[in-house]
C-alpha atoms as a PDB file:
ATOM      1  CA  MET A   1      58.515   5.834  -0.116  1.00  0.00           C
ATOM      2  CA  LEU A   2      61.160   3.691   1.566  1.00  0.00           C
ATOM      3  CA  ASP A   3      61.010  -0.020   2.349  1.00  0.00           C
ATOM      4  CA  LYS A   4      61.668  -0.896   6.011  1.00  0.00           C
ATOM      5  CA  ASP A   5      63.727  -4.018   5.183  1.00  0.00           C
ATOM      6  CA  CYS A   6      65.709  -2.775   2.161  1.00  0.00           C
ATOM      7  CA  LEU A   7      69.476  -2.386   2.680  1.00  0.00           C
ATOM      8  CA  PHE A   8      69.667   0.756   0.515  1.00  0.00           C
ATOM      9  CA  CYS A   9      66.618   2.299   2.211  1.00  0.00           C
ATOM     10  CA  LYS A  10      68.398   1.767   5.536  1.00  0.00           C
ATOM     11  CA  ILE A  11      71.436   3.584   4.103  1.00  0.00           C
ATOM     12  CA  ILE A  12      69.189   6.450   2.941  1.00  0.00           C
ATOM     13  CA  ARG A  13      67.679   6.697   6.447  1.00  0.00           C
ATOM     14  CA  GLY A  14      71.161   6.715   8.004  1.00  0.00           C
ATOM     15  CA  GLU A  15      70.644   3.407   9.830  1.00  0.00           C
ATOM     16  CA  ILE A  16      73.642   1.893   8.018  1.00  0.00           C
ATOM     17  CA  PRO A  17      76.741   4.013   7.353  1.00  0.00           C
ATOM     18  CA  SER A  18      78.027   4.593   3.830  1.00  0.00           C
ATOM     19  CA  ALA A  19      80.830   6.525   2.171  1.00  0.00           C
ATOM     20  CA  LYS A  20      78.606   9.196   0.616  1.00  0.00           C
ATOM     21  CA  VAL A  21      79.933  11.217  -2.296  1.00  0.00           C
ATOM     22  CA  TYR A  22      76.700  13.053  -3.202  1.00  0.00           C
ATOM     23  CA  GLU A  23      73.224  13.494  -1.772  1.00  0.00           C
ATOM     24  CA  ASP A  24      70.200  15.646  -2.480  1.00  0.00           C
ATOM     25  CA  GLU A  25      66.442  15.325  -2.005  1.00  0.00           C
ATOM     26  CA  LYS A  26      66.065  12.788  -4.859  1.00  0.00           C
ATOM     27  CA  MET A  27      69.188  10.646  -4.829  1.00  0.00           C
ATOM     28  CA  LEU A  28      72.169   9.339  -2.928  1.00  0.00           C
ATOM     29  CA  VAL A  29      75.553   8.301  -4.336  1.00  0.00           C
ATOM     30  CA  PHE A  30      78.032   6.321  -2.279  1.00  0.00           C
ATOM     31  CA  LYS A  31      81.090   4.105  -2.734  1.00  0.00           C
ATOM     32  CA  ASP A  32      80.454   0.409  -3.344  1.00  0.00           C
ATOM     33  CA  ILE A  33      81.813  -1.722  -0.493  1.00  0.00           C
ATOM     34  CA  GLU A  34      82.995  -4.376  -3.007  1.00  0.00           C
ATOM     35  CA  PRO A  35      84.427  -2.230  -5.826  1.00  0.00           C
ATOM     36  CA  LYS A  36      84.864  -3.761  -9.265  1.00  0.00           C
ATOM     37  CA  ALA A  37      86.947  -0.813 -10.530  1.00  0.00           C
ATOM     38  CA  LYS A  38      89.266   1.840  -9.088  1.00  0.00           C
ATOM     39  CA  VAL A  39      86.187   4.048  -8.731  1.00  0.00           C
ATOM     40  CA  HIS A  40      82.910   2.210  -8.117  1.00  0.00           C
ATOM     41  CA  LEU A  41      79.946   4.295  -7.022  1.00  0.00           C
ATOM     42  CA  LEU A  42      76.280   3.442  -6.585  1.00  0.00           C
ATOM     43  CA  ALA A  43      73.607   6.001  -7.459  1.00  0.00           C
ATOM     44  CA  ILE A  44      70.231   5.243  -5.895  1.00  0.00           C
ATOM     45  CA  PRO A  45      66.878   6.990  -5.983  1.00  0.00           C
ATOM     46  CA  LYS A  46      65.415   7.923  -2.622  1.00  0.00           C
ATOM     47  CA  ASN A  47      62.088   6.569  -3.869  1.00  0.00           C
ATOM     48  CA  HIS A  48      62.248   2.768  -3.448  1.00  0.00           C
ATOM     49  CA  PHE A  49      61.518   0.454  -6.346  1.00  0.00           C
ATOM     50  CA  LYS A  50      63.159  -2.803  -7.353  1.00  0.00           C
ATOM     51  CA  LEU A  51      63.094  -3.114 -11.129  1.00  0.00           C
ATOM     52  CA  LEU A  52      62.672  -1.015 -14.246  1.00  0.00           C
ATOM     53  CA  SER A  53      59.492  -2.997 -14.919  1.00  0.00           C
ATOM     54  CA  GLU A  54      57.981  -1.374 -11.789  1.00  0.00           C
ATOM     55  CA  MET A  55      58.653   2.130 -13.073  1.00  0.00           C
ATOM     56  CA  ASP A  56      55.748   4.559 -13.185  1.00  0.00           C
ATOM     57  CA  GLU A  57      55.911   8.218 -14.276  1.00  0.00           C
ATOM     58  CA  ASP A  58      57.255   9.488 -10.927  1.00  0.00           C
ATOM     59  CA  ARG A  59      59.926   6.804 -10.792  1.00  0.00           C
ATOM     60  CA  ALA A  60      60.832   7.487 -14.423  1.00  0.00           C
ATOM     61  CA  GLU A  61      61.387  11.132 -13.494  1.00  0.00           C
ATOM     62  CA  ASP A  62      63.599  10.037 -10.577  1.00  0.00           C
ATOM     63  CA  LEU A  63      65.699   7.853 -12.894  1.00  0.00           C
ATOM     64  CA  LYS A  64      65.908  10.638 -15.486  1.00  0.00           C
ATOM     65  CA  TYR A  65      67.115  13.000 -12.762  1.00  0.00           C
ATOM     66  CA  ILE A  66      69.802  10.527 -11.655  1.00  0.00           C
ATOM     67  CA  LEU A  67      71.023   9.979 -15.214  1.00  0.00           C
ATOM     68  CA  LYS A  68      71.246  13.739 -15.768  1.00  0.00           C
ATOM     69  CA  LYS A  69      73.281  14.198 -12.527  1.00  0.00           C
ATOM     70  CA  ILE A  70      75.735  11.360 -13.162  1.00  0.00           C
ATOM     71  CA  PRO A  71      78.054  13.329 -15.528  1.00  0.00           C
ATOM     72  CA  GLN A  72      78.567  15.990 -12.832  1.00  0.00           C
ATOM     73  CA  ILE A  73      79.147  13.359 -10.130  1.00  0.00           C
ATOM     74  CA  ALA A  74      81.517  11.417 -12.409  1.00  0.00           C
ATOM     75  CA  LYS A  75      83.580  14.547 -13.085  1.00  0.00           C
ATOM     76  CA  GLU A  76      83.718  15.395  -9.368  1.00  0.00           C
ATOM     77  CA  ASN A  77      85.075  11.896  -8.735  1.00  0.00           C
ATOM     78  CA  GLY A  78      87.878  12.011 -11.300  1.00  0.00           C
ATOM     79  CA  LEU A  79      86.182  10.169 -14.150  1.00  0.00           C
ATOM     80  CA  GLU A  80      86.941  12.702 -16.906  1.00  0.00           C
ATOM     81  CA  ASN A  81      88.384   9.980 -19.172  1.00  0.00           C
ATOM     82  CA  GLY A  82      85.172   7.963 -19.135  1.00  0.00           C
ATOM     83  CA  TYR A  83      83.048   5.665 -17.045  1.00  0.00           C
ATOM     84  CA  ARG A  84      80.643   2.782 -17.378  1.00  0.00           C
ATOM     85  CA  LEU A  85      77.046   2.651 -16.134  1.00  0.00           C
ATOM     86  CA  ILE A  86      75.421  -0.655 -15.196  1.00  0.00           C
ATOM     87  CA  ILE A  87      71.879  -1.372 -14.008  1.00  0.00           C
ATOM     88  CA  ASN A  88      71.486  -5.033 -13.058  1.00  0.00           C
ATOM     89  CA  GLN A  89      67.928  -6.383 -13.251  1.00  0.00           C
ATOM     90  CA  GLY A  90      67.079  -9.575 -11.394  1.00  0.00           C
ATOM     91  CA  ASP A  91      68.910 -12.613 -10.115  1.00  0.00           C
ATOM     92  CA  ASP A  92      70.358 -13.754 -13.452  1.00  0.00           C
ATOM     93  CA  ALA A  93      71.923 -10.317 -13.971  1.00  0.00           C
ATOM     94  CA  GLY A  94      73.554 -10.382 -10.542  1.00  0.00           C
ATOM     95  CA  GLN A  95      71.275  -7.903  -8.783  1.00  0.00           C
ATOM     96  CA  THR A  96      71.883  -8.498  -5.077  1.00  0.00           C
ATOM     97  CA  VAL A  97      70.049  -5.519  -3.567  1.00  0.00           C
ATOM     98  CA  PHE A  98      66.520  -5.117  -4.852  1.00  0.00           C
ATOM     99  CA  HIS A  99      66.411  -1.319  -4.836  1.00  0.00           C
ATOM    100  CA  LEU A 100      67.070   0.057  -8.303  1.00  0.00           C
ATOM    101  CA  HIS A 101      70.624   1.385  -8.500  1.00  0.00           C
ATOM    102  CA  VAL A 102      73.102   2.524 -11.116  1.00  0.00           C
ATOM    103  CA  HIS A 103      76.711   1.362 -10.849  1.00  0.00           C
ATOM    104  CA  ILE A 104      79.218   4.014 -11.953  1.00  0.00           C
ATOM    105  CA  LEU A 105      82.605   2.433 -12.687  1.00  0.00           C
ATOM    106  CA  GLY A 106      85.818   4.054 -13.871  1.00  0.00           C
ATOM    107  CA  GLY A 107      89.153   5.486 -12.874  1.00  0.00           C
ATOM    108  CA  GLU A 108      90.963   2.979 -15.076  1.00  0.00           C
ATOM    109  CA  VAL A 109      90.696   1.334 -18.496  1.00  0.00           C
ATOM    110  CA  LEU A 110      87.789  -1.098 -18.173  1.00  0.00           C
ATOM    111  CA  GLY A 111      87.807  -4.430 -19.963  1.00  0.00           C
ATOM    112  CA  TRP A 112      84.899  -6.727 -20.651  1.00  0.00           C
END
């Protein structure tokens, strides 16, 4: 179920444009508008939830599905040499959109 006010839900519904790189019935992957690496993608479930602490069995299956698809998506986007996954949780972690999402960063040597 989508949230009417959520930025990422609006992207899923097509109300806000995005640079999509992958989409299916369970997930959407698009380019981050403020990239922190040469390649910076966001993978989002089409089932809205904010935090891992809100995860039930269905949402856990959605996240599992996304994590299993990421290697294919990473390869298709030139990340054969490696990539980093980040899931920010809450204000202190820097989460700015409260729809669970996985950052996929790569395309260069990443520092800390």
